[in-house]
Amino acid sequence: MKLFHRDRREDSRSHRRIYAQFEIAYTIVDFAAALLFIVGSVLFFYEATQRVGTWMFLVGSVCFALKPTLRLVREIKLYRLGDTEDLADRIGGRD
């Protein structure tokens, strides 16, 4: 079983649930990063708000760093669920 195998997300009910949870988290982080960069960019137009804009860029950058981290954690969780075909055979084909 390999990491980052696209078909794994459909292996079982647990796989689908984990995949969906991480997709939601990934999308939230993506929106947060984009929003922080847009607002930070606007704040950079005014000298009085440049410091806040800089902090928004920093937090937005952290959000962008979270994206691949979330994907890696998701894939490790899916990987740790194991070989579902063998498991299904052992318990009579149930998820």
C-alpha atoms as a PDB file:
ATOM      1  CA  MET A   1       0.000   0.000   0.000  1.00  0.00           C
ATOM      2  CA  LYS A   2       1.475   3.338  -1.044  1.00  0.00           C
ATOM      3  CA  LEU A   3       0.954   6.875   0.220  1.00  0.00           C
ATOM      4  CA  PHE A   4      -0.920   9.335  -2.036  1.00  0.00           C
ATOM      5  CA  HIS A   5      -2.872   6.638  -3.880  1.00  0.00           C
ATOM      6  CA  ARG A   6      -6.026   8.331  -5.225  1.00  0.00           C
ATOM      7  CA  ASP A   7      -8.204   5.221  -5.158  1.00  0.00           C
ATOM      8  CA  ARG A   8      -7.651   4.669  -1.424  1.00  0.00           C
ATOM      9  CA  ARG A   9     -10.209   7.328  -0.493  1.00  0.00           C
ATOM     10  CA  GLU A  10     -13.013   4.966  -1.558  1.00  0.00           C
ATOM     11  CA  ASP A  11     -11.731   1.817   0.184  1.00  0.00           C
ATOM     12  CA  SER A  12     -14.154   1.905   3.114  1.00  0.00           C
ATOM     13  CA  ARG A  13     -16.556   4.095   5.046  1.00  0.00           C
ATOM     14  CA  SER A  14     -13.685   5.119   7.361  1.00  0.00           C
ATOM     15  CA  HIS A  15     -11.552   6.077   4.361  1.00  0.00           C
ATOM     16  CA  ARG A  16     -14.330   8.219   2.919  1.00  0.00           C
ATOM     17  CA  ARG A  17     -14.944   9.950   6.267  1.00  0.00           C
ATOM     18  CA  ILE A  18     -11.254  10.746   6.827  1.00  0.00           C
ATOM     19  CA  TYR A  19     -10.857  11.947   3.259  1.00  0.00           C
ATOM     20  CA  ALA A  20     -13.906  14.230   3.533  1.00  0.00           C
ATOM     21  CA  GLN A  21     -12.808  15.684   6.880  1.00  0.00           C
ATOM     22  CA  PHE A  22      -9.385  16.565   5.543  1.00  0.00           C
ATOM     23  CA  GLU A  23     -10.793  18.028   2.325  1.00  0.00           C
ATOM     24  CA  ILE A  24     -12.966  20.359   4.411  1.00  0.00           C
ATOM     25  CA  ALA A  25      -9.978  21.364   6.559  1.00  0.00           C
ATOM     26  CA  TYR A  26      -7.849  21.872   3.433  1.00  0.00           C
ATOM     27  CA  THR A  27     -10.508  24.116   1.871  1.00  0.00           C
ATOM     28  CA  ILE A  28     -10.901  26.177   5.057  1.00  0.00           C
ATOM     29  CA  VAL A  29      -7.128  26.701   5.253  1.00  0.00           C
ATOM     30  CA  ASP A  30      -7.050  27.632   1.562  1.00  0.00           C
ATOM     31  CA  PHE A  31      -9.795  30.249   1.994  1.00  0.00           C
ATOM     32  CA  ALA A  32      -8.153  31.629   5.152  1.00  0.00           C
ATOM     33  CA  ALA A  33      -4.803  32.008   3.395  1.00  0.00           C
ATOM     34  CA  ALA A  34      -6.384  33.737   0.401  1.00  0.00           C
ATOM     35  CA  LEU A  35      -8.428  36.076   2.599  1.00  0.00           C
ATOM     36  CA  LEU A  36      -5.404  36.975   4.726  1.00  0.00           C
ATOM     37  CA  PHE A  37      -3.336  37.764   1.636  1.00  0.00           C
ATOM     38  CA  ILE A  38      -6.090  39.890   0.060  1.00  0.00           C
ATOM     39  CA  VAL A  39      -6.738  41.897   3.234  1.00  0.00           C
ATOM     40  CA  GLY A  40      -2.997  42.133   3.922  1.00  0.00           C
ATOM     41  CA  SER A  41      -2.446  43.498   0.434  1.00  0.00           C
ATOM     42  CA  VAL A  42      -5.066  46.205   0.943  1.00  0.00           C
ATOM     43  CA  LEU A  43      -3.568  47.125   4.319  1.00  0.00           C
ATOM     44  CA  PHE A  44      -0.188  47.558   2.671  1.00  0.00           C
ATOM     45  CA  PHE A  45      -1.519  50.557   0.735  1.00  0.00           C
ATOM     46  CA  TYR A  46      -1.630  52.606   3.928  1.00  0.00           C
ATOM     47  CA  GLU A  47       1.426  53.276   6.055  1.00  0.00           C
ATOM     48  CA  ALA A  48      -0.591  53.180   9.282  1.00  0.00           C
ATOM     49  CA  THR A  49      -1.757  49.595   8.610  1.00  0.00           C
ATOM     50  CA  GLN A  50       1.379  48.064   7.093  1.00  0.00           C
ATOM     51  CA  ARG A  51       2.349  46.277  10.317  1.00  0.00           C
ATOM     52  CA  VAL A  52      -1.043  44.542  10.486  1.00  0.00           C
ATOM     53  CA  GLY A  53      -0.729  43.725   6.787  1.00  0.00           C
ATOM     54  CA  THR A  54       2.683  42.157   7.408  1.00  0.00           C
ATOM     55  CA  TRP A  55       1.234  39.956  10.161  1.00  0.00           C
ATOM     56  CA  MET A  56      -1.576  38.912   7.834  1.00  0.00           C
ATOM     57  CA  PHE A  57       0.975  37.874   5.209  1.00  0.00           C
ATOM     58  CA  LEU A  58       2.830  35.849   7.834  1.00  0.00           C
ATOM     59  CA  VAL A  59      -0.312  34.071   9.049  1.00  0.00           C
ATOM     60  CA  GLY A  60      -1.385  33.508   5.430  1.00  0.00           C
ATOM     61  CA  SER A  61       2.009  31.957   4.709  1.00  0.00           C
ATOM     62  CA  VAL A  62       1.569  29.627   7.684  1.00  0.00           C
ATOM     63  CA  CYS A  63      -1.811  28.626   6.254  1.00  0.00           C
ATOM     64  CA  PHE A  64      -0.176  27.821   2.925  1.00  0.00           C
ATOM     65  CA  ALA A  65       2.374  25.675   4.798  1.00  0.00           C
ATOM     66  CA  LEU A  66      -0.496  23.828   6.512  1.00  0.00           C
ATOM     67  CA  LYS A  67      -1.919  22.662   3.182  1.00  0.00           C
ATOM     68  CA  PRO A  68       0.728  20.038   2.349  1.00  0.00           C
ATOM     69  CA  THR A  69       0.923  19.142   6.043  1.00  0.00           C
ATOM     70  CA  LEU A  70      -2.805  18.345   6.064  1.00  0.00           C
ATOM     71  CA  ARG A  71      -2.462  16.209   2.956  1.00  0.00           C
ATOM     72  CA  LEU A  72       0.447  14.263   4.439  1.00  0.00           C
ATOM     73  CA  VAL A  73      -1.394  13.658   7.729  1.00  0.00           C
ATOM     74  CA  ARG A  74      -4.480  12.524   5.789  1.00  0.00           C
ATOM     75  CA  GLU A  75      -2.463  10.093   3.712  1.00  0.00           C
ATOM     76  CA  ILE A  76      -0.744   8.658   6.780  1.00  0.00           C
ATOM     77  CA  LYS A  77      -4.142   8.149   8.453  1.00  0.00           C
ATOM     78  CA  LEU A  78      -5.480   6.413   5.332  1.00  0.00           C
ATOM     79  CA  TYR A  79      -2.332   4.297   5.102  1.00  0.00           C
ATOM     80  CA  ARG A  80      -2.668   3.230   8.733  1.00  0.00           C
ATOM     81  CA  LEU A  81      -6.176   1.917   8.080  1.00  0.00           C
ATOM     82  CA  GLY A  82      -4.384  -0.943   6.340  1.00  0.00           C
ATOM     83  CA  ASP A  83      -5.277  -3.276   3.537  1.00  0.00           C
ATOM     84  CA  THR A  84      -9.071  -3.148   3.543  1.00  0.00           C
ATOM     85  CA  GLU A  85      -9.494  -6.017   1.093  1.00  0.00           C
ATOM     86  CA  ASP A  86      -7.912  -8.495   3.514  1.00  0.00           C
ATOM     87  CA  LEU A  87      -9.852  -7.009   6.406  1.00  0.00           C
ATOM     88  CA  ALA A  88     -13.135  -7.260   4.498  1.00  0.00           C
ATOM     89  CA  ASP A  89     -12.442 -10.931   3.725  1.00  0.00           C
ATOM     90  CA  ARG A  90     -11.758 -11.657   7.402  1.00  0.00           C
ATOM     91  CA  ILE A  91     -15.013 -10.065   8.633  1.00  0.00           C
ATOM     92  CA  GLY A  92     -17.324 -11.245   5.899  1.00  0.00           C
ATOM     93  CA  GLY A  93     -17.122  -8.344   3.440  1.00  0.00           C
ATOM     94  CA  ARG A  94     -18.434  -5.618   5.766  1.00  0.00           C
ATOM     95  CA  ASP A  95     -16.834  -2.134   6.116  1.00  0.00           C
END
